[in-house]
Amino acid sequence: TENRRWMDAVKARDGQCVRCGSANDLESHHKRGLAELVFELGITSREDARSHAAVLWDLENGETLCRPCHYAEHGRVLPCD
C-alpha cells in the first residue's frame, strides 16, 4: 500500500521520464535502492518498516523513468514483445 502511494506520487510529481521526457510506460524508481535502505536501517519486520516510513517513502528519493530508461538504469535489456 505504501509502495503504491509512493509510486503514484512520484509519477504525479514528475509527469514524464526525467531522463528522456517520454510519457509512455512510466515507472517509479528509488534513486537509492529500497533494498539498500532496508539493509542499512536494519529493517527485519513490518513494524521496523513502519517506524522508518519517512525514509523508505521519501519522495525526494524517487524519480519517474520510462520502462526503457528504468531497465537501462538497472543494467537490464528490455525484452521484445
Protein backbone atom coordinates (compact mmCIF):
# COMPACT_ATOMS: atom_id res chain seq x y z
CA THR A 1 0.00 0.00 0.00
CA GLU A 2 2.72 2.48 0.94
CA ASN A 3 4.74 1.49 -2.10
CA ARG A 4 1.76 2.07 -4.41
CA ARG A 5 1.11 5.50 -2.87
CA TRP A 6 4.77 6.41 -3.23
CA MET A 7 4.90 5.25 -6.87
CA ASP A 8 1.75 7.18 -7.75
CA ALA A 9 3.01 10.33 -6.01
CA VAL A 10 6.41 10.20 -7.75
CA LYS A 11 4.79 9.76 -11.18
CA ALA A 12 2.23 12.51 -10.49
CA ARG A 13 5.00 14.90 -9.45
CA ASP A 14 7.26 14.25 -12.45
CA GLY A 15 4.66 13.56 -15.13
CA GLN A 16 7.23 12.14 -17.54
CA CYS A 17 10.53 10.30 -17.65
CA VAL A 18 13.14 12.54 -16.07
CA ARG A 19 15.81 11.08 -18.37
CA CYS A 20 14.27 11.18 -21.86
CA GLY A 21 10.99 13.03 -21.45
CA SER A 22 8.78 10.15 -22.56
CA ALA A 23 5.25 9.98 -21.15
CA ASN A 24 4.81 6.28 -22.03
CA ASP A 25 5.19 3.23 -19.76
CA LEU A 26 6.17 5.27 -16.71
CA GLU A 27 7.60 3.62 -13.61
CA SER A 28 8.81 4.94 -10.28
CA HIS A 29 12.45 4.36 -9.36
CA HIS A 30 14.18 4.66 -5.99
CA LYS A 31 17.36 6.67 -6.59
CA ARG A 32 18.81 4.98 -3.54
CA GLY A 33 17.62 1.40 -3.71
CA LEU A 34 14.87 0.21 -1.42
CA ALA A 35 16.78 -2.99 -0.61
CA GLU A 36 19.84 -0.90 0.29
CA LEU A 37 17.76 1.26 2.62
CA VAL A 38 16.15 -1.78 4.25
CA PHE A 39 19.59 -3.28 4.88
CA GLU A 40 21.15 -0.07 6.19
CA LEU A 41 18.24 0.62 8.51
CA GLY A 42 18.24 -2.96 9.81
CA ILE A 43 14.61 -3.49 8.90
CA THR A 44 13.52 -7.05 9.61
CA SER A 45 9.77 -6.69 10.12
CA ARG A 46 6.77 -4.68 9.02
CA GLU A 47 6.91 -2.85 12.33
CA ASP A 48 10.51 -1.82 11.63
CA ALA A 49 9.48 -0.65 8.16
CA ARG A 50 6.62 1.39 9.58
CA SER A 51 8.96 3.12 12.01
CA HIS A 52 11.22 4.12 9.08
CA ALA A 53 8.42 5.03 6.67
CA ALA A 54 9.60 8.63 6.25
CA VAL A 55 12.95 7.40 4.90
CA LEU A 56 11.62 4.49 2.84
CA TRP A 57 8.92 6.52 1.11
CA ASP A 58 10.70 9.88 0.82
CA LEU A 59 9.55 11.39 -2.48
CA GLU A 60 12.95 13.06 -2.91
CA ASN A 61 14.45 9.58 -3.24
CA GLY A 62 12.20 8.86 -6.20
CA GLU A 63 12.19 9.69 -9.86
CA THR A 64 9.99 8.75 -12.77
CA LEU A 65 11.55 6.72 -15.55
CA CYS A 66 10.02 5.20 -18.65
CA ARG A 67 10.39 1.44 -18.82
CA PRO A 68 13.37 1.53 -21.25
CA CYS A 69 15.25 4.05 -19.10
CA HIS A 70 14.39 2.10 -15.93
CA TYR A 71 15.72 -1.13 -17.44
CA ALA A 72 18.88 0.69 -18.55
CA GLU A 73 19.33 2.16 -15.04
CA HIS A 74 19.47 -1.40 -13.68
CA GLY A 75 21.69 -2.68 -16.50
CA ARG A 76 18.94 -4.81 -18.00
CA VAL A 77 17.77 -5.18 -21.57
CA LEU A 78 14.10 -4.54 -22.25
CA PRO A 79 12.60 -7.77 -23.64
CA CYS A 80 10.86 -7.62 -27.01
CA ASP A 81 7.10 -8.15 -27.06
